[in-house]
Amino acid sequence: MDFGKFKYEEKKKAQQSRRNHHVIKVKELRMRPNIGDHDLENKLKMGKKFLSEGYKLKLTLMYRGREMSRQDLGEDLLTRVLSSLSEHAQMEKNSPLMGRKKSIILAPK
């Protein structure tokens, strides 16, 4: 087989695989357990916008200092966020607490 022909076919295969490749984009919303109601509403509005555009949404809950002793407040906040976004998204991944951050990933419906 001709080496030039082989290189040409490999190049065409690479181009075809890049053409069929689909990149999943993720947007992230970061919040703290004691976020204000108005700030939370703005974050949820942005989250709904991202989900409607087809992005996956990563919600990251960050604890600082003494907030680590009240992790139940963060869990309550995440349940509130999930209940308000339930008509736009479904939970894809719920990761445990890693250091001082807890993340969940939502996929659009």
N, C-alpha and C. Protein backbone atom coordinates (compact mmCIF):
# COMPACT_ATOMS: atom_id res chain seq x y z
N MET A 1 0.84 -1.18 0.00
CA MET A 1 0.00 0.00 0.00
C MET A 1 0.88 1.24 0.00
N ASP A 2 0.45 2.22 -0.71
CA ASP A 2 1.18 3.48 -0.80
C ASP A 2 1.06 4.23 0.53
N PHE A 3 2.17 4.72 1.05
CA PHE A 3 2.16 5.42 2.33
C PHE A 3 1.39 6.73 2.24
N GLY A 4 1.48 7.43 1.12
CA GLY A 4 0.75 8.67 0.94
C GLY A 4 -0.75 8.45 0.98
N LYS A 5 -1.20 7.37 0.36
CA LYS A 5 -2.62 7.03 0.37
C LYS A 5 -3.08 6.70 1.79
N PHE A 6 -2.24 5.98 2.54
CA PHE A 6 -2.55 5.64 3.92
C PHE A 6 -2.70 6.90 4.77
N LYS A 7 -1.76 7.84 4.64
CA LYS A 7 -1.81 9.10 5.40
C LYS A 7 -3.08 9.88 5.05
N TYR A 8 -3.44 9.89 3.77
CA TYR A 8 -4.63 10.60 3.31
C TYR A 8 -5.88 10.00 3.95
N GLU A 9 -5.99 8.68 3.96
CA GLU A 9 -7.15 8.02 4.55
C GLU A 9 -7.24 8.26 6.05
N GLU A 10 -6.11 8.24 6.74
CA GLU A 10 -6.09 8.54 8.18
C GLU A 10 -6.55 9.97 8.45
N LYS A 11 -6.12 10.89 7.61
CA LYS A 11 -6.53 12.28 7.77
C LYS A 11 -8.04 12.43 7.58
N LYS A 12 -8.60 11.75 6.60
CA LYS A 12 -10.04 11.80 6.34
C LYS A 12 -10.82 11.18 7.51
N LYS A 13 -10.32 10.08 8.08
CA LYS A 13 -10.98 9.46 9.22
C LYS A 13 -10.99 10.41 10.42
N ALA A 14 -9.88 11.09 10.64
CA ALA A 14 -9.78 12.04 11.75
C ALA A 14 -10.75 13.20 11.56
N GLN A 15 -10.87 13.71 10.35
CA GLN A 15 -11.80 14.80 10.08
C GLN A 15 -13.23 14.35 10.30
N GLN A 16 -13.57 13.15 9.88
CA GLN A 16 -14.92 12.63 10.04
C GLN A 16 -15.26 12.45 11.52
N SER A 17 -14.31 11.95 12.30
CA SER A 17 -14.58 11.76 13.72
C SER A 17 -14.74 13.10 14.44
N ARG A 18 -13.99 14.12 14.03
CA ARG A 18 -14.15 15.45 14.63
C ARG A 18 -15.51 16.04 14.25
N ARG A 19 -15.98 15.77 13.06
CA ARG A 19 -17.25 16.31 12.60
C ARG A 19 -18.41 15.72 13.40
N ASN A 20 -18.30 14.44 13.76
CA ASN A 20 -19.37 13.77 14.49
C ASN A 20 -19.25 13.94 16.01
N HIS A 21 -18.18 14.53 16.47
CA HIS A 21 -17.94 14.70 17.90
C HIS A 21 -18.86 15.78 18.46
N HIS A 22 -19.49 15.50 19.60
CA HIS A 22 -20.39 16.45 20.24
C HIS A 22 -19.83 16.82 21.60
N VAL A 23 -19.59 18.10 21.83
CA VAL A 23 -19.02 18.57 23.08
C VAL A 23 -20.16 18.97 24.02
N ILE A 24 -20.16 18.41 25.21
CA ILE A 24 -21.18 18.75 26.20
C ILE A 24 -20.65 19.91 27.03
N LYS A 25 -21.42 20.98 27.05
CA LYS A 25 -20.99 22.18 27.77
C LYS A 25 -21.69 22.23 29.12
N VAL A 26 -20.93 22.64 30.13
CA VAL A 26 -21.43 22.71 31.49
C VAL A 26 -21.28 24.13 32.01
N LYS A 27 -22.34 24.67 32.55
CA LYS A 27 -22.29 25.97 33.22
C LYS A 27 -22.36 25.72 34.72
N GLU A 28 -21.69 26.56 35.49
CA GLU A 28 -21.63 26.35 36.93
C GLU A 28 -22.23 27.53 37.67
N LEU A 29 -23.02 27.23 38.69
CA LEU A 29 -23.53 28.24 39.61
C LEU A 29 -22.95 27.93 40.99
N ARG A 30 -22.28 28.91 41.57
CA ARG A 30 -21.69 28.73 42.89
C ARG A 30 -22.51 29.51 43.90
N MET A 31 -22.72 28.90 45.06
CA MET A 31 -23.46 29.59 46.11
C MET A 31 -22.98 29.12 47.47
N ARG A 32 -23.38 29.88 48.47
CA ARG A 32 -23.04 29.55 49.85
C ARG A 32 -24.32 29.24 50.60
N PRO A 33 -24.24 28.55 51.74
CA PRO A 33 -25.47 28.14 52.44
C PRO A 33 -26.33 29.30 52.92
N ASN A 34 -25.75 30.43 53.26
CA ASN A 34 -26.54 31.54 53.77
C ASN A 34 -26.77 32.61 52.71
N ILE A 35 -27.09 32.19 51.48
CA ILE A 35 -27.34 33.12 50.39
C ILE A 35 -28.70 33.78 50.63
N GLY A 36 -28.80 35.04 50.24
CA GLY A 36 -30.05 35.77 50.39
C GLY A 36 -31.10 35.29 49.41
N ASP A 37 -32.37 35.57 49.71
CA ASP A 37 -33.47 35.11 48.87
C ASP A 37 -33.41 35.73 47.47
N HIS A 38 -33.13 37.02 47.40
CA HIS A 38 -33.09 37.69 46.10
C HIS A 38 -31.91 37.18 45.26
N ASP A 39 -30.77 36.99 45.91
CA ASP A 39 -29.61 36.45 45.20
C ASP A 39 -29.89 35.04 44.67
N LEU A 40 -30.58 34.25 45.48
CA LEU A 40 -30.93 32.89 45.06
C LEU A 40 -31.89 32.93 43.87
N GLU A 41 -32.84 33.85 43.89
CA GLU A 41 -33.77 33.98 42.76
C GLU A 41 -33.02 34.31 41.48
N ASN A 42 -32.04 35.21 41.56
CA ASN A 42 -31.25 35.57 40.38
C ASN A 42 -30.45 34.36 39.88
N LYS A 43 -29.87 33.60 40.80
CA LYS A 43 -29.11 32.42 40.39
C LYS A 43 -30.03 31.39 39.73
N LEU A 44 -31.22 31.20 40.28
CA LEU A 44 -32.16 30.25 39.70
C LEU A 44 -32.63 30.70 38.32
N LYS A 45 -32.80 31.99 38.15
CA LYS A 45 -33.20 32.52 36.84
C LYS A 45 -32.11 32.25 35.81
N MET A 46 -30.84 32.46 36.21
CA MET A 46 -29.74 32.17 35.30
C MET A 46 -29.65 30.67 35.02
N GLY A 47 -29.90 29.86 36.04
CA GLY A 47 -29.87 28.41 35.86
C GLY A 47 -30.93 27.94 34.88
N LYS A 48 -32.13 28.50 34.98
CA LYS A 48 -33.20 28.15 34.04
C LYS A 48 -32.83 28.56 32.62
N LYS A 49 -32.17 29.71 32.50
CA LYS A 49 -31.75 30.17 31.17
C LYS A 49 -30.72 29.21 30.58
N PHE A 50 -29.74 28.81 31.39
CA PHE A 50 -28.71 27.88 30.91
C PHE A 50 -29.33 26.55 30.49
N LEU A 51 -30.25 26.04 31.30
CA LEU A 51 -30.88 24.76 30.98
C LEU A 51 -31.72 24.84 29.71
N SER A 52 -32.40 25.98 29.52
CA SER A 52 -33.21 26.13 28.31
C SER A 52 -32.35 26.23 27.06
N GLU A 53 -31.10 26.69 27.21
CA GLU A 53 -30.18 26.76 26.07
C GLU A 53 -29.50 25.42 25.80
N GLY A 54 -29.75 24.43 26.65
CA GLY A 54 -29.22 23.09 26.41
C GLY A 54 -27.95 22.76 27.17
N TYR A 55 -27.48 23.65 28.02
CA TYR A 55 -26.28 23.37 28.81
C TYR A 55 -26.63 22.48 29.99
N LYS A 56 -25.64 21.74 30.47
CA LYS A 56 -25.78 21.08 31.75
C LYS A 56 -25.44 22.10 32.82
N LEU A 57 -25.99 21.92 34.01
CA LEU A 57 -25.81 22.89 35.08
C LEU A 57 -25.16 22.22 36.27
N LYS A 58 -24.06 22.79 36.72
CA LYS A 58 -23.36 22.28 37.89
C LYS A 58 -23.60 23.26 39.03
N LEU A 59 -24.24 22.80 40.08
CA LEU A 59 -24.49 23.63 41.26
C LEU A 59 -23.44 23.29 42.31
N THR A 60 -22.67 24.27 42.71
CA THR A 60 -21.61 24.06 43.69
C THR A 60 -21.94 24.84 44.95
N LEU A 61 -21.97 24.14 46.05
CA LEU A 61 -22.24 24.73 47.35
C LEU A 61 -20.92 24.80 48.11
N MET A 62 -20.50 26.01 48.45
CA MET A 62 -19.21 26.20 49.10
C MET A 62 -19.41 26.58 50.57
N TYR A 63 -18.69 25.91 51.43
CA TYR A 63 -18.73 26.22 52.86
C TYR A 63 -17.47 26.96 53.24
N ARG A 64 -17.63 27.94 54.15
CA ARG A 64 -16.47 28.67 54.67
C ARG A 64 -16.54 28.70 56.19
N GLY A 65 -15.41 28.50 56.82
CA GLY A 65 -15.30 28.66 58.26
C GLY A 65 -16.27 27.81 59.05
N ARG A 66 -17.09 28.47 59.85
CA ARG A 66 -18.02 27.77 60.74
C ARG A 66 -19.24 27.21 60.02
N GLU A 67 -19.37 27.52 58.74
CA GLU A 67 -20.49 26.96 57.98
C GLU A 67 -20.37 25.44 57.87
N MET A 68 -19.16 24.91 58.04
CA MET A 68 -18.96 23.46 57.97
C MET A 68 -19.72 22.75 59.09
N SER A 69 -19.93 23.42 60.21
CA SER A 69 -20.65 22.79 61.31
C SER A 69 -22.15 22.75 61.08
N ARG A 70 -22.65 23.53 60.11
CA ARG A 70 -24.08 23.56 59.80
C ARG A 70 -24.31 23.11 58.36
N GLN A 71 -23.91 21.90 58.04
CA GLN A 71 -24.07 21.39 56.69
C GLN A 71 -25.53 21.12 56.35
N ASP A 72 -26.38 21.02 57.37
CA ASP A 72 -27.79 20.80 57.10
C ASP A 72 -28.42 22.00 56.40
N LEU A 73 -27.90 23.21 56.64
CA LEU A 73 -28.41 24.40 55.94
C LEU A 73 -28.11 24.30 54.44
N GLY A 74 -26.95 23.79 54.11
CA GLY A 74 -26.60 23.61 52.71
C GLY A 74 -27.46 22.57 52.04
N GLU A 75 -27.75 21.48 52.74
CA GLU A 75 -28.62 20.44 52.18
C GLU A 75 -30.03 20.99 51.96
N ASP A 76 -30.52 21.80 52.90
CA ASP A 76 -31.84 22.42 52.72
C ASP A 76 -31.86 23.34 51.50
N LEU A 77 -30.78 24.08 51.32
CA LEU A 77 -30.69 24.97 50.17
C LEU A 77 -30.70 24.18 48.86
N LEU A 78 -29.95 23.08 48.81
CA LEU A 78 -29.92 22.27 47.60
C LEU A 78 -31.29 21.66 47.30
N THR A 79 -32.02 21.24 48.33
CA THR A 79 -33.36 20.69 48.08
C THR A 79 -34.30 21.77 47.58
N ARG A 80 -34.16 23.00 48.09
CA ARG A 80 -34.98 24.12 47.57
C ARG A 80 -34.67 24.39 46.11
N VAL A 81 -33.38 24.38 45.77
CA VAL A 81 -32.97 24.64 44.39
C VAL A 81 -33.47 23.53 43.47
N LEU A 82 -33.34 22.28 43.91
CA LEU A 82 -33.79 21.15 43.09
C LEU A 82 -35.29 21.17 42.89
N SER A 83 -36.04 21.55 43.92
CA SER A 83 -37.49 21.59 43.76
C SER A 83 -37.92 22.70 42.82
N SER A 84 -37.20 23.83 42.82
CA SER A 84 -37.59 24.92 41.93
C SER A 84 -37.15 24.67 40.49
N LEU A 85 -36.09 23.89 40.29
CA LEU A 85 -35.63 23.58 38.93
C LEU A 85 -36.12 22.22 38.42
N SER A 86 -36.99 21.56 39.18
CA SER A 86 -37.40 20.21 38.82
C SER A 86 -38.16 20.14 37.49
N GLU A 87 -38.87 21.20 37.12
CA GLU A 87 -39.61 21.16 35.85
C GLU A 87 -38.71 21.43 34.65
N HIS A 88 -37.51 21.96 34.88
CA HIS A 88 -36.59 22.26 33.79
C HIS A 88 -35.44 21.25 33.68
N ALA A 89 -35.16 20.54 34.78
CA ALA A 89 -33.96 19.68 34.79
C ALA A 89 -34.19 18.43 35.62
N GLN A 90 -33.30 17.48 35.42
CA GLN A 90 -33.28 16.29 36.25
C GLN A 90 -31.86 16.08 36.76
N MET A 91 -31.74 15.54 37.96
CA MET A 91 -30.42 15.36 38.55
C MET A 91 -29.69 14.23 37.83
N GLU A 92 -28.46 14.52 37.45
CA GLU A 92 -27.65 13.53 36.76
C GLU A 92 -26.62 12.92 37.68
N LYS A 93 -26.01 13.75 38.53
CA LYS A 93 -24.95 13.26 39.41
C LYS A 93 -24.97 14.04 40.70
N ASN A 94 -24.89 13.34 41.81
CA ASN A 94 -24.83 13.96 43.12
C ASN A 94 -23.54 13.52 43.77
N SER A 95 -22.56 14.40 43.82
CA SER A 95 -21.27 14.02 44.39
C SER A 95 -21.25 14.34 45.88
N PRO A 96 -20.52 13.56 46.66
CA PRO A 96 -20.45 13.82 48.10
C PRO A 96 -19.60 15.06 48.38
N LEU A 97 -19.56 15.42 49.64
CA LEU A 97 -18.76 16.58 50.07
C LEU A 97 -17.29 16.29 49.82
N MET A 98 -16.67 17.17 49.01
CA MET A 98 -15.25 17.03 48.70
C MET A 98 -14.54 18.25 49.25
N GLY A 99 -13.90 18.07 50.39
CA GLY A 99 -13.26 19.21 51.05
C GLY A 99 -14.33 20.13 51.62
N ARG A 100 -14.42 21.31 51.07
CA ARG A 100 -15.42 22.28 51.51
C ARG A 100 -16.47 22.56 50.45
N LYS A 101 -16.53 21.72 49.43
CA LYS A 101 -17.47 21.94 48.33
C LYS A 101 -18.33 20.70 48.10
N LYS A 102 -19.59 20.94 47.79
CA LYS A 102 -20.52 19.87 47.40
C LYS A 102 -21.13 20.28 46.08
N SER A 103 -21.14 19.35 45.13
CA SER A 103 -21.62 19.67 43.79
C SER A 103 -22.68 18.67 43.36
N ILE A 104 -23.62 19.18 42.55
CA ILE A 104 -24.57 18.31 41.87
C ILE A 104 -24.63 18.78 40.43
N ILE A 105 -24.90 17.85 39.52
CA ILE A 105 -24.98 18.18 38.11
C ILE A 105 -26.40 17.90 37.65
N LEU A 106 -26.99 18.89 36.96
CA LEU A 106 -28.35 18.77 36.44
C LEU A 106 -28.29 18.76 34.92
N ALA A 107 -29.10 17.92 34.32
CA ALA A 107 -29.20 17.85 32.87
C ALA A 107 -30.57 18.39 32.46
N PRO A 108 -30.64 19.09 31.33
CA PRO A 108 -31.95 19.60 30.89
C PRO A 108 -32.88 18.47 30.50
N LYS A 109 -34.19 18.70 30.69
CA LYS A 109 -35.18 17.69 30.30
C LYS A 109 -35.48 17.77 28.83
